[in-house]
Amino acid sequence: MKPKNKTAEFTKWMGPVLDCLRALGGQARPKEVVNWIATTKKLSEATLEATIKNGAKRFANQVAWARQYLVWENLLDSSTHGVWTLTTKGFNTHLTETESRGIFLKWVDIHTRRRKLAEASAEGTDELTMLGLGAEPEGAASLHGVLTDLSDLPPDELHERELLTVLQSLSPAGFERLCQRLLHASGFENVEVTGKSHDGGIDGIGVLRLNPLVGVKVVFQCKRYKGTVSRAQVGEFRNAILGRAEKGIMFTTGTFSKDARDEATRIADIPIELIDGEKLVDLFENLKLGLKPKTVWEVDLEFFEQYK
């Protein structure tokens, strides 16, 4: 099958990722990088909101893929999860789209040969024959086609998508209990799921202890779905909070619209903390809740090239 031109569309973001990290002092979180590029390149709302088949935002997904190739090329350091950091090599590298495409093709070749080696080992075939030293690399879509079968996400982010999928598959009541557990693990006290109907969307209540003498009463709402929470929904939740608590927390496995975020931080109103699917994943990772650590080794074929 002939590869589609859009296969390596993400390569155009490799250079901007490096530019962004240089501008932000050499280190930033994924969302900061995505927002910086979107603002600098003046991308349209339609581009930013477009999704791929698994529900992830297409642009953010492409930036994540660009980052993955930069890590393989030793331009970014991947030692700290959730933080993108320039290496010395990356700080001094400025990529054109042509150079970025070259990096993509290089790693297509490396991973294609790695896959052949794994297949050869499984089938008992001679490894050197399967590696095909000096042979022409397969089409540019080869590696990307294999990886996109794994939910269209870079390898080190597969567990994040899997976790979010699991969260979205829970029952509404189950998600409420899980948020209760999350708040307990985060230091809240007396966290209860109210489960009351016609209560303005309040699903639970708890106390955040600031010190032995002072505690802040917090109510929370849980929206377990894939859609986008609107400004009106945040406003309705705030109205339900009035006279009941000093702060609100809204959890969703989906996303919040820009208007919803503006509503949550409106001056002179009760502040509402918004926890979307991405932040939920970060919380579970930081608290090591529902996740098991796993060490995976892979052969660095590029290292052995110098000995052939």
Foldseek 3Di string as FASTA:
>chain_A
DDDDPCLLVLLQCLQLLLVQCVVVVFKDFLVSSLVVCCVVVVPDPCQQQDADPLLHRPSSQSNQVSLLLCVLVQQWDCPDPRMTGGDPVVNPDGDDSVVSLVSLQVVQLVVVLQVQQVVCVVVVHDSVVSSPPPDDGDDSNRVSVVVVVLVSHPPVCSVLSVVLVVQLPDDLVVNLVVVQVLVVLVQWAPKDQPPDPPLLQFGIKTWHDPDPVDIWIETEHEARHADEDELVSLVSNQVSCPPPTQEYEYEYSYYYDPNNVCSQPPPPGRHYHYHYNVNVSVSCVVSVPPDDDDDDDDDDVVVCVVVD
